[in-house]
């Protein structure tokens, strides 16, 4: 089974294509047994309410480790990776309610 964790303390500032920074909070982290990659699921801070109050807007990123404890967040583009992350997130969210 993949290693899963929840970390609401970790915050990220991520620029958009216009260079404007947006604040996100980490709500889920996992390391895949299949690929040994580490992924995080982030929710925008101040996430607007949706019509369906059980729905939240989240984004999945792969953490690419660099030197000196630095890292880069990469949008998950591989369909199999994305499916694995979202499936694990949905299971944990259903069981413990991450949002």
PDB file of N, CA and C in Angstrom:
ATOM      1  N   UNK A   1       0.849  -1.189   0.000  1.00  0.00           N
ATOM      2  CA  UNK A   1       0.000   0.000   0.000  1.00  0.00           C
ATOM      3  C   UNK A   1       0.884   1.239   0.000  1.00  0.00           C
ATOM      4  N   UNK A   2       0.472   2.250  -0.686  1.00  0.00           N
ATOM      5  CA  UNK A   2       1.216   3.507  -0.744  1.00  0.00           C
ATOM      6  C   UNK A   2       1.264   4.157   0.629  1.00  0.00           C
ATOM      7  N   UNK A   3       2.361   4.876   0.890  1.00  0.00           N
ATOM      8  CA  UNK A   3       2.489   5.622   2.143  1.00  0.00           C
ATOM      9  C   UNK A   3       1.664   6.898   2.013  1.00  0.00           C
ATOM     10  N   UNK A   4       0.737   7.102   2.956  1.00  0.00           N
ATOM     11  CA  UNK A   4      -0.177   8.235   2.898  1.00  0.00           C
ATOM     12  C   UNK A   4      -0.005   9.097   4.129  1.00  0.00           C
ATOM     13  N   UNK A   5      -0.222  10.392   3.983  1.00  0.00           N
ATOM     14  CA  UNK A   5      -0.220  11.261   5.152  1.00  0.00           C
ATOM     15  C   UNK A   5      -1.046  12.500   4.861  1.00  0.00           C
ATOM     16  N   UNK A   6      -1.408  13.186   5.931  1.00  0.00           N
ATOM     17  CA  UNK A   6      -2.152  14.427   5.833  1.00  0.00           C
ATOM     18  C   UNK A   6      -1.326  15.503   6.507  1.00  0.00           C
ATOM     19  N   UNK A   7      -1.187  16.635   5.830  1.00  0.00           N
ATOM     20  CA  UNK A   7      -0.363  17.694   6.389  1.00  0.00           C
ATOM     21  C   UNK A   7      -0.998  19.034   6.070  1.00  0.00           C
ATOM     22  N   UNK A   8      -1.784  19.568   6.990  1.00  0.00           N
ATOM     23  CA  UNK A   8      -2.431  20.856   6.768  1.00  0.00           C
ATOM     24  C   UNK A   8      -1.518  22.018   7.123  1.00  0.00           C
ATOM     25  N   UNK A   9      -0.353  21.760   7.702  1.00  0.00           N
ATOM     26  CA  UNK A   9       0.533  22.829   8.115  1.00  0.00           C
ATOM     27  C   UNK A   9       1.370  23.365   6.953  1.00  0.00           C
ATOM     28  N   UNK A  10       1.591  22.575   5.951  1.00  0.00           N
ATOM     29  CA  UNK A  10       2.478  22.958   4.850  1.00  0.00           C
ATOM     30  C   UNK A  10       1.726  23.855   3.866  1.00  0.00           C
ATOM     31  N   UNK A  11       2.287  25.050   3.641  1.00  0.00           N
ATOM     32  CA  UNK A  11       1.687  26.008   2.721  1.00  0.00           C
ATOM     33  C   UNK A  11       2.641  26.216   1.537  1.00  0.00           C
ATOM     34  N   UNK A  12       2.090  26.480   0.368  1.00  0.00           N
ATOM     35  CA  UNK A  12       2.866  26.672  -0.847  1.00  0.00           C
ATOM     36  C   UNK A  12       2.383  27.933  -1.561  1.00  0.00           C
ATOM     37  N   UNK A  13       3.319  28.736  -2.072  1.00  0.00           N
ATOM     38  CA  UNK A  13       3.003  29.869  -2.948  1.00  0.00           C
ATOM     39  C   UNK A  13       3.377  29.437  -4.360  1.00  0.00           C
ATOM     40  N   UNK A  14       2.371  29.412  -5.229  1.00  0.00           N
ATOM     41  CA  UNK A  14       2.584  28.920  -6.592  1.00  0.00           C
ATOM     42  C   UNK A  14       2.166  30.002  -7.581  1.00  0.00           C
ATOM     43  N   UNK A  15       3.087  30.382  -8.470  1.00  0.00           N
ATOM     44  CA  UNK A  15       2.731  31.398  -9.470  1.00  0.00           C
ATOM     45  C   UNK A  15       1.906  30.792 -10.607  1.00  0.00           C
ATOM     46  N   UNK A  16       1.003  31.611 -11.136  1.00  0.00           N
ATOM     47  CA  UNK A  16       0.249  31.170 -12.306  1.00  0.00           C
ATOM     48  C   UNK A  16       0.978  31.640 -13.573  1.00  0.00           C
ATOM     49  N   UNK A  17       0.357  31.443 -14.728  1.00  0.00           N
ATOM     50  CA  UNK A  17       1.010  31.785 -15.993  1.00  0.00           C
ATOM     51  C   UNK A  17       1.265  33.288 -16.140  1.00  0.00           C
ATOM     52  N   UNK A  18       0.584  34.118 -15.335  1.00  0.00           N
ATOM     53  CA  UNK A  18       0.795  35.572 -15.370  1.00  0.00           C
ATOM     54  C   UNK A  18       1.800  36.035 -14.323  1.00  0.00           C
ATOM     55  N   UNK A  19       2.326  35.104 -13.530  1.00  0.00           N
ATOM     56  CA  UNK A  19       3.284  35.463 -12.494  1.00  0.00           C
ATOM     57  C   UNK A  19       2.639  35.833 -11.171  1.00  0.00           C
ATOM     58  N   UNK A  20       1.302  35.822 -11.101  1.00  0.00           N
ATOM     59  CA  UNK A  20       0.600  36.105  -9.847  1.00  0.00           C
ATOM     60  C   UNK A  20       0.700  34.886  -8.936  1.00  0.00           C
ATOM     61  N   UNK A  21       1.079  35.105  -7.674  1.00  0.00           N
ATOM     62  CA  UNK A  21       1.227  33.996  -6.737  1.00  0.00           C
ATOM     63  C   UNK A  21      -0.093  33.695  -6.042  1.00  0.00           C
ATOM     64  N   UNK A  22      -0.332  32.396  -5.842  1.00  0.00           N
ATOM     65  CA  UNK A  22      -1.528  31.929  -5.155  1.00  0.00           C
ATOM     66  C   UNK A  22      -1.085  31.028  -4.010  1.00  0.00           C
ATOM     67  N   UNK A  23      -1.792  31.108  -2.892  1.00  0.00           N
ATOM     68  CA  UNK A  23      -1.454  30.335  -1.708  1.00  0.00           C
ATOM     69  C   UNK A  23      -2.280  29.049  -1.675  1.00  0.00           C
ATOM     70  N   UNK A  24      -1.583  27.934  -1.411  1.00  0.00           N
ATOM     71  CA  UNK A  24      -2.225  26.622  -1.334  1.00  0.00           C
ATOM     72  C   UNK A  24      -1.841  25.957  -0.023  1.00  0.00           C
ATOM     73  N   UNK A  25      -2.717  25.091   0.463  1.00  0.00           N
ATOM     74  CA  UNK A  25      -2.430  24.308   1.652  1.00  0.00           C
ATOM     75  C   UNK A  25      -2.379  22.835   1.250  1.00  0.00           C
ATOM     76  N   UNK A  26      -1.395  22.132   1.809  1.00  0.00           N
ATOM     77  CA  UNK A  26      -1.267  20.700   1.543  1.00  0.00           C
ATOM     78  C   UNK A  26      -2.293  19.952   2.379  1.00  0.00           C
ATOM     79  N   UNK A  27      -3.125  19.154   1.717  1.00  0.00           N
ATOM     80  CA  UNK A  27      -4.129  18.393   2.453  1.00  0.00           C
ATOM     81  C   UNK A  27      -3.909  16.879   2.363  1.00  0.00           C
ATOM     82  N   UNK A  28      -2.971  16.458   1.522  1.00  0.00           N
ATOM     83  CA  UNK A  28      -2.746  15.026   1.349  1.00  0.00           C
ATOM     84  C   UNK A  28      -1.388  14.829   0.692  1.00  0.00           C
ATOM     85  N   UNK A  29      -0.665  13.793   1.144  1.00  0.00           N
ATOM     86  CA  UNK A  29       0.638  13.440   0.573  1.00  0.00           C
ATOM     87  C   UNK A  29       0.717  11.923   0.498  1.00  0.00           C
ATOM     88  N   UNK A  30       1.325  11.429  -0.569  1.00  0.00           N
ATOM     89  CA  UNK A  30       1.507   9.985  -0.703  1.00  0.00           C
ATOM     90  C   UNK A  30       2.763   9.688  -1.501  1.00  0.00           C
ATOM     91  N   UNK A  31       3.345   8.532  -1.211  1.00  0.00           N
ATOM     92  CA  UNK A  31       4.436   7.993  -2.011  1.00  0.00           C
ATOM     93  C   UNK A  31       3.916   6.722  -2.656  1.00  0.00           C
ATOM     94  N   UNK A  32       3.997   6.663  -3.964  1.00  0.00           N
ATOM     95  CA  UNK A  32       3.463   5.546  -4.724  1.00  0.00           C
ATOM     96  C   UNK A  32       4.367   4.326  -4.610  1.00  0.00           C
ATOM     97  N   UNK A  33       3.765   3.179  -4.307  1.00  0.00           N
ATOM     98  CA  UNK A  33       4.502   1.913  -4.335  1.00  0.00           C
ATOM     99  C   UNK A  33       4.880   1.544  -5.766  1.00  0.00           C
ATOM    100  N   UNK A  34       4.050   1.951  -6.712  1.00  0.00           N
ATOM    101  CA  UNK A  34       4.237   1.597  -8.117  1.00  0.00           C
ATOM    102  C   UNK A  34       5.415   2.342  -8.739  1.00  0.00           C
ATOM    103  N   UNK A  35       5.553   3.626  -8.435  1.00  0.00           N
ATOM    104  CA  UNK A  35       6.578   4.444  -9.089  1.00  0.00           C
ATOM    105  C   UNK A  35       7.629   4.987  -8.129  1.00  0.00           C
ATOM    106  N   UNK A  36       7.358   4.905  -6.836  1.00  0.00           N
ATOM    107  CA  UNK A  36       8.205   5.473  -5.782  1.00  0.00           C
ATOM    108  C   UNK A  36       8.278   7.007  -5.871  1.00  0.00           C
ATOM    109  N   UNK A  37       7.338   7.623  -6.575  1.00  0.00           N
ATOM    110  CA  UNK A  37       7.250   9.079  -6.647  1.00  0.00           C
ATOM    111  C   UNK A  37       6.411   9.572  -5.472  1.00  0.00           C
ATOM    112  N   UNK A  38       6.705  10.792  -5.019  1.00  0.00           N
ATOM    113  CA  UNK A  38       5.919  11.408  -3.961  1.00  0.00           C
ATOM    114  C   UNK A  38       5.012  12.464  -4.583  1.00  0.00           C
ATOM    115  N   UNK A  39       3.755  12.460  -4.147  1.00  0.00           N
ATOM    116  CA  UNK A  39       2.744  13.370  -4.668  1.00  0.00           C
ATOM    117  C   UNK A  39       2.088  14.120  -3.519  1.00  0.00           C
ATOM    118  N   UNK A  40       1.627  15.335  -3.802  1.00  0.00           N
ATOM    119  CA  UNK A  40       0.835  16.097  -2.848  1.00  0.00           C
ATOM    120  C   UNK A  40      -0.441  16.548  -3.536  1.00  0.00           C
ATOM    121  N   UNK A  41      -1.494  16.668  -2.732  1.00  0.00           N
ATOM    122  CA  UNK A  41      -2.746  17.252  -3.193  1.00  0.00           C
ATOM    123  C   UNK A  41      -2.894  18.559  -2.432  1.00  0.00           C
ATOM    124  N   UNK A  42      -3.063  19.643  -3.188  1.00  0.00           N
ATOM    125  CA  UNK A  42      -3.149  20.976  -2.606  1.00  0.00           C
ATOM    126  C   UNK A  42      -4.521  21.581  -2.859  1.00  0.00           C
ATOM    127  N   UNK A  43      -4.968  22.369  -1.872  1.00  0.00           N
ATOM    128  CA  UNK A  43      -6.224  23.098  -1.999  1.00  0.00           C
ATOM    129  C   UNK A  43      -5.912  24.586  -1.932  1.00  0.00           C
ATOM    130  N   UNK A  44      -6.491  25.388  -2.822  1.00  0.00           N
ATOM    131  CA  UNK A  44      -6.263  26.829  -2.748  1.00  0.00           C
ATOM    132  C   UNK A  44      -6.779  27.385  -1.418  1.00  0.00           C
ATOM    133  N   UNK A  45      -6.004  28.268  -0.783  1.00  0.00           N
ATOM    134  CA  UNK A  45      -6.455  28.931   0.436  1.00  0.00           C
ATOM    135  C   UNK A  45      -7.550  29.909   0.032  1.00  0.00           C
ATOM    136  N   UNK A  46      -8.619  29.933   0.811  1.00  0.00           N
ATOM    137  CA  UNK A  46      -9.754  30.782   0.447  1.00  0.00           C
ATOM    138  C   UNK A  46     -10.543  30.186  -0.695  1.00  0.00           C
ATOM    139  N   UNK A  47     -10.490  28.853  -0.808  1.00  0.00           N
ATOM    140  CA  UNK A  47     -11.201  28.138  -1.862  1.00  0.00           C
ATOM    141  C   UNK A  47     -12.677  28.516  -1.823  1.00  0.00           C
ATOM    142  N   UNK A  48     -13.217  29.080  -2.904  1.00  0.00           N
ATOM    143  CA  UNK A  48     -14.620  29.487  -2.891  1.00  0.00           C
ATOM    144  C   UNK A  48     -15.545  28.291  -2.732  1.00  0.00           C
ATOM    145  N   UNK A  49     -16.655  28.529  -2.050  1.00  0.00           N
ATOM    146  CA  UNK A  49     -17.660  27.480  -1.890  1.00  0.00           C
ATOM    147  C   UNK A  49     -18.243  27.122  -3.248  1.00  0.00           C
ATOM    148  N   UNK A  50     -18.532  25.843  -3.424  1.00  0.00           N
ATOM    149  CA  UNK A  50     -19.171  25.398  -4.658  1.00  0.00           C
ATOM    150  C   UNK A  50     -20.635  25.119  -4.355  1.00  0.00           C
ATOM    151  N   UNK A  51     -21.424  24.928  -5.394  1.00  0.00           N
ATOM    152  CA  UNK A  51     -22.839  24.611  -5.189  1.00  0.00           C
ATOM    153  C   UNK A  51     -22.994  23.322  -4.411  1.00  0.00           C
ATOM    154  N   UNK A  52     -22.121  22.368  -4.664  1.00  0.00           N
ATOM    155  CA  UNK A  52     -22.124  21.091  -3.950  1.00  0.00           C
ATOM    156  C   UNK A  52     -21.131  21.210  -2.802  1.00  0.00           C
ATOM    157  N   UNK A  53     -21.626  21.371  -1.582  1.00  0.00           N
ATOM    158  CA  UNK A  53     -20.720  21.613  -0.455  1.00  0.00           C
ATOM    159  C   UNK A  53     -19.826  20.421  -0.131  1.00  0.00           C
ATOM    160  N   UNK A  54     -20.053  19.259  -0.750  1.00  0.00           N
ATOM    161  CA  UNK A  54     -19.178  18.105  -0.561  1.00  0.00           C
ATOM    162  C   UNK A  54     -18.022  18.105  -1.564  1.00  0.00           C
ATOM    163  N   UNK A  55     -17.966  19.094  -2.450  1.00  0.00           N
ATOM    164  CA  UNK A  55     -16.944  19.164  -3.479  1.00  0.00           C
ATOM    165  C   UNK A  55     -15.944  20.261  -3.141  1.00  0.00           C
ATOM    166  N   UNK A  56     -14.650  19.932  -3.253  1.00  0.00           N
ATOM    167  CA  UNK A  56     -13.605  20.937  -3.074  1.00  0.00           C
ATOM    168  C   UNK A  56     -12.716  20.927  -4.307  1.00  0.00           C
ATOM    169  N   UNK A  57     -12.108  22.061  -4.599  1.00  0.00           N
ATOM    170  CA  UNK A  57     -11.181  22.176  -5.722  1.00  0.00           C
ATOM    171  C   UNK A  57      -9.790  21.823  -5.217  1.00  0.00           C
ATOM    172  N   UNK A  58      -9.160  20.822  -5.839  1.00  0.00           N
ATOM    173  CA  UNK A  58      -7.818  20.404  -5.442  1.00  0.00           C
ATOM    174  C   UNK A  58      -6.954  20.205  -6.685  1.00  0.00           C
ATOM    175  N   UNK A  59      -5.624  20.239  -6.449  1.00  0.00           N
ATOM    176  CA  UNK A  59      -4.658  20.040  -7.522  1.00  0.00           C
ATOM    177  C   UNK A  59      -3.632  19.018  -7.070  1.00  0.00           C
ATOM    178  N   UNK A  60      -3.254  18.126  -7.986  1.00  0.00           N
ATOM    179  CA  UNK A  60      -2.258  17.098  -7.678  1.00  0.00           C
ATOM    180  C   UNK A  60      -0.921  17.483  -8.302  1.00  0.00           C
ATOM    181  N   UNK A  61       0.145  17.361  -7.482  1.00  0.00           N
ATOM    182  CA  UNK A  61       1.504  17.674  -7.931  1.00  0.00           C
ATOM    183  C   UNK A  61       2.439  16.531  -7.559  1.00  0.00           C
ATOM    184  N   UNK A  62       3.454  16.328  -8.397  1.00  0.00           N
ATOM    185  CA  UNK A  62       4.556  15.434  -8.058  1.00  0.00           C
ATOM    186  C   UNK A  62       5.648  16.290  -7.441  1.00  0.00           C
ATOM    187  N   UNK A  63       6.263  15.792  -6.362  1.00  0.00           N
ATOM    188  CA  UNK A  63       7.380  16.491  -5.746  1.00  0.00           C
ATOM    189  C   UNK A  63       8.668  15.931  -6.334  1.00  0.00           C
ATOM    190  N   UNK A  64       9.418  16.785  -7.020  1.00  0.00           N
ATOM    191  CA  UNK A  64      10.713  16.390  -7.560  1.00  0.00           C
ATOM    192  C   UNK A  64      11.791  16.967  -6.648  1.00  0.00           C
ATOM    193  N   UNK A  65      12.498  16.076  -5.948  1.00  0.00           N
ATOM    194  CA  UNK A  65      13.528  16.489  -4.996  1.00  0.00           C
ATOM    195  C   UNK A  65      14.759  16.997  -5.740  1.00  0.00           C
ATOM    196  N   UNK A  66      15.309  18.119  -5.270  1.00  0.00           N
ATOM    197  CA  UNK A  66      16.537  18.688  -5.802  1.00  0.00           C
ATOM    198  C   UNK A  66      17.605  18.620  -4.716  1.00  0.00           C
ATOM    199  N   UNK A  67      18.685  19.342  -4.896  1.00  0.00           N
ATOM    200  CA  UNK A  67      19.751  19.366  -3.893  1.00  0.00           C
ATOM    201  C   UNK A  67      19.355  20.234  -2.707  1.00  0.00           C
ATOM    202  N   UNK A  68      20.036  20.037  -1.585  1.00  0.00           N
ATOM    203  CA  UNK A  68      19.905  20.881  -0.400  1.00  0.00           C
ATOM    204  C   UNK A  68      18.464  21.037   0.075  1.00  0.00           C
ATOM    205  N   UNK A  69      17.715  19.958   0.116  1.00  0.00           N
ATOM    206  CA  UNK A  69      16.338  19.928   0.603  1.00  0.00           C
ATOM    207  C   UNK A  69      15.391  20.810  -0.209  1.00  0.00           C
ATOM    208  N   UNK A  70      15.789  21.211  -1.393  1.00  0.00           N
ATOM    209  CA  UNK A  70      14.911  21.977  -2.264  1.00  0.00           C
ATOM    210  C   UNK A  70      14.117  21.001  -3.128  1.00  0.00           C
ATOM    211  N   UNK A  71      13.006  21.499  -3.677  1.00  0.00           N
ATOM    212  CA  UNK A  71      12.156  20.651  -4.503  1.00  0.00           C
ATOM    213  C   UNK A  71      11.406  21.509  -5.503  1.00  0.00           C
ATOM    214  N   UNK A  72      10.847  20.832  -6.498  1.00  0.00           N
ATOM    215  CA  UNK A  72      10.008  21.466  -7.505  1.00  0.00           C
ATOM    216  C   UNK A  72       8.686  20.716  -7.517  1.00  0.00           C
ATOM    217  N   UNK A  73       7.583  21.464  -7.585  1.00  0.00           N
ATOM    218  CA  UNK A  73       6.274  20.849  -7.753  1.00  0.00           C
ATOM    219  C   UNK A  73       5.949  20.800  -9.238  1.00  0.00           C
ATOM    220  N   UNK A  74       5.599  19.608  -9.726  1.00  0.00           N
ATOM    221  CA  UNK A  74       5.236  19.430 -11.128  1.00  0.00           C
ATOM    222  C   UNK A  74       3.803  18.925 -11.191  1.00  0.00           C
ATOM    223  N   UNK A  75       2.993  19.564 -12.035  1.00  0.00           N
ATOM    224  CA  UNK A  75       1.619  19.094 -12.236  1.00  0.00           C
ATOM    225  C   UNK A  75       1.675  17.640 -12.681  1.00  0.00           C
ATOM    226  N   UNK A  76       0.813  16.808 -12.124  1.00  0.00           N
ATOM    227  CA  UNK A  76       0.775  15.396 -12.512  1.00  0.00           C
ATOM    228  C   UNK A  76       0.130  15.305 -13.893  1.00  0.00           C
ATOM    229  N   UNK A  77       0.917  14.909 -14.877  1.00  0.00           N
ATOM    230  CA  UNK A  77       0.430  14.822 -16.252  1.00  0.00           C
ATOM    231  C   UNK A  77       0.189  13.390 -16.703  1.00  0.00           C
ATOM    232  N   UNK A  78       0.865  12.433 -16.074  1.00  0.00           N
ATOM    233  CA  UNK A  78       0.696  11.028 -16.428  1.00  0.00           C
ATOM    234  C   UNK A  78      -0.665  10.548 -15.924  1.00  0.00           C
ATOM    235  N   UNK A  79      -1.476  10.002 -16.817  1.00  0.00           N
ATOM    236  CA  UNK A  79      -2.831   9.579 -16.456  1.00  0.00           C
ATOM    237  C   UNK A  79      -2.842   8.516 -15.359  1.00  0.00           C
ATOM    238  N   UNK A  80      -1.932   7.565 -15.436  1.00  0.00           N
ATOM    239  CA  UNK A  80      -1.887   6.497 -14.424  1.00  0.00           C
ATOM    240  C   UNK A  80      -1.512   7.063 -13.057  1.00  0.00           C
ATOM    241  N   UNK A  81      -0.540   7.973 -13.034  1.00  0.00           N
ATOM    242  CA  UNK A  81      -0.163   8.614 -11.768  1.00  0.00           C
ATOM    243  C   UNK A  81      -1.328   9.418 -11.202  1.00  0.00           C
ATOM    244  N   UNK A  82      -1.970  10.210 -12.062  1.00  0.00           N
ATOM    245  CA  UNK A  82      -3.082  11.040 -11.609  1.00  0.00           C
ATOM    246  C   UNK A  82      -4.213  10.185 -11.044  1.00  0.00           C
ATOM    247  N   UNK A  83      -4.552   9.122 -11.759  1.00  0.00           N
ATOM    248  CA  UNK A  83      -5.602   8.212 -11.297  1.00  0.00           C
ATOM    249  C   UNK A  83      -5.257   7.613  -9.937  1.00  0.00           C
ATOM    250  N   UNK A  84      -4.004   7.176  -9.767  1.00  0.00           N
ATOM    251  CA  UNK A  84      -3.558   6.578  -8.509  1.00  0.00           C
ATOM    252  C   UNK A  84      -3.666   7.581  -7.360  1.00  0.00           C
ATOM    253  N   UNK A  85      -3.217   8.814  -7.588  1.00  0.00           N
ATOM    254  CA  UNK A  85      -3.257   9.840  -6.545  1.00  0.00           C
ATOM    255  C   UNK A  85      -4.697  10.181  -6.184  1.00  0.00           C
ATOM    256  N   UNK A  86      -5.534  10.400  -7.179  1.00  0.00           N
ATOM    257  CA  UNK A  86      -6.919  10.806  -6.902  1.00  0.00           C
ATOM    258  C   UNK A  86      -7.721   9.669  -6.264  1.00  0.00           C
ATOM    259  N   UNK A  87      -7.432   8.434  -6.654  1.00  0.00           N
ATOM    260  CA  UNK A  87      -8.102   7.293  -6.036  1.00  0.00           C
ATOM    261  C   UNK A  87      -7.722   7.191  -4.557  1.00  0.00           C
ATOM    262  N   UNK A  88      -6.439   7.320  -4.254  1.00  0.00           N
ATOM    263  CA  UNK A  88      -5.990   7.274  -2.856  1.00  0.00           C
ATOM    264  C   UNK A  88      -6.574   8.445  -2.070  1.00  0.00           C
ATOM    265  N   UNK A  89      -6.566   9.633  -2.669  1.00  0.00           N
ATOM    266  CA  UNK A  89      -7.133  10.812  -2.008  1.00  0.00           C
ATOM    267  C   UNK A  89      -8.607  10.600  -1.707  1.00  0.00           C
ATOM    268  N   UNK A  90      -9.375  10.097  -2.689  1.00  0.00           N
ATOM    269  CA  UNK A  90     -10.807   9.864  -2.492  1.00  0.00           C
ATOM    270  C   UNK A  90     -11.057   8.854  -1.381  1.00  0.00           C
ATOM    271  N   UNK A  91     -10.272   7.782  -1.337  1.00  0.00           N
ATOM    272  CA  UNK A  91     -10.445   6.757  -0.299  1.00  0.00           C
ATOM    273  C   UNK A  91     -10.204   7.364   1.081  1.00  0.00           C
ATOM    274  N   UNK A  92      -9.086   8.070   1.231  1.00  0.00           N
ATOM    275  CA  UNK A  92      -8.760   8.665   2.534  1.00  0.00           C
ATOM    276  C   UNK A  92      -9.778   9.743   2.885  1.00  0.00           C
ATOM    277  N   UNK A  93     -10.163  10.548   1.928  1.00  0.00           N
ATOM    278  CA  UNK A  93     -11.136  11.612   2.174  1.00  0.00           C
ATOM    279  C   UNK A  93     -12.470  11.031   2.628  1.00  0.00           C
ATOM    280  N   UNK A  94     -12.897   9.940   1.997  1.00  0.00           N
ATOM    281  CA  UNK A  94     -14.149   9.288   2.398  1.00  0.00           C
ATOM    282  C   UNK A  94     -14.066   8.716   3.810  1.00  0.00           C
ATOM    283  N   UNK A  95     -12.883   8.197   4.177  1.00  0.00           N
ATOM    284  CA  UNK A  95     -12.724   7.564   5.471  1.00  0.00           C
ATOM    285  C   UNK A  95     -12.552   8.558   6.611  1.00  0.00           C
ATOM    286  N   UNK A  96     -11.753   9.612   6.394  1.00  0.00           N
ATOM    287  CA  UNK A  96     -11.456  10.535   7.493  1.00  0.00           C
ATOM    288  C   UNK A  96     -11.872  11.974   7.229  1.00  0.00           C
ATOM    289  N   UNK A  97     -12.333  12.278   6.040  1.00  0.00           N
ATOM    290  CA  UNK A  97     -12.778  13.632   5.733  1.00  0.00           C
ATOM    291  C   UNK A  97     -11.649  14.644   5.789  1.00  0.00           C
ATOM    292  N   UNK A  98     -10.848  14.729   4.737  1.00  0.00           N
ATOM    293  CA  UNK A  98      -9.695  15.630   4.706  1.00  0.00           C
ATOM    294  C   UNK A  98     -10.100  17.081   4.585  1.00  0.00           C
ATOM    295  N   UNK A  99     -11.228  17.366   4.028  1.00  0.00           N
ATOM    296  CA  UNK A  99     -11.607  18.775   3.816  1.00  0.00           C
ATOM    297  C   UNK A  99     -12.284  19.296   5.002  1.00  0.00           C
TER     298      UNK A  99
END
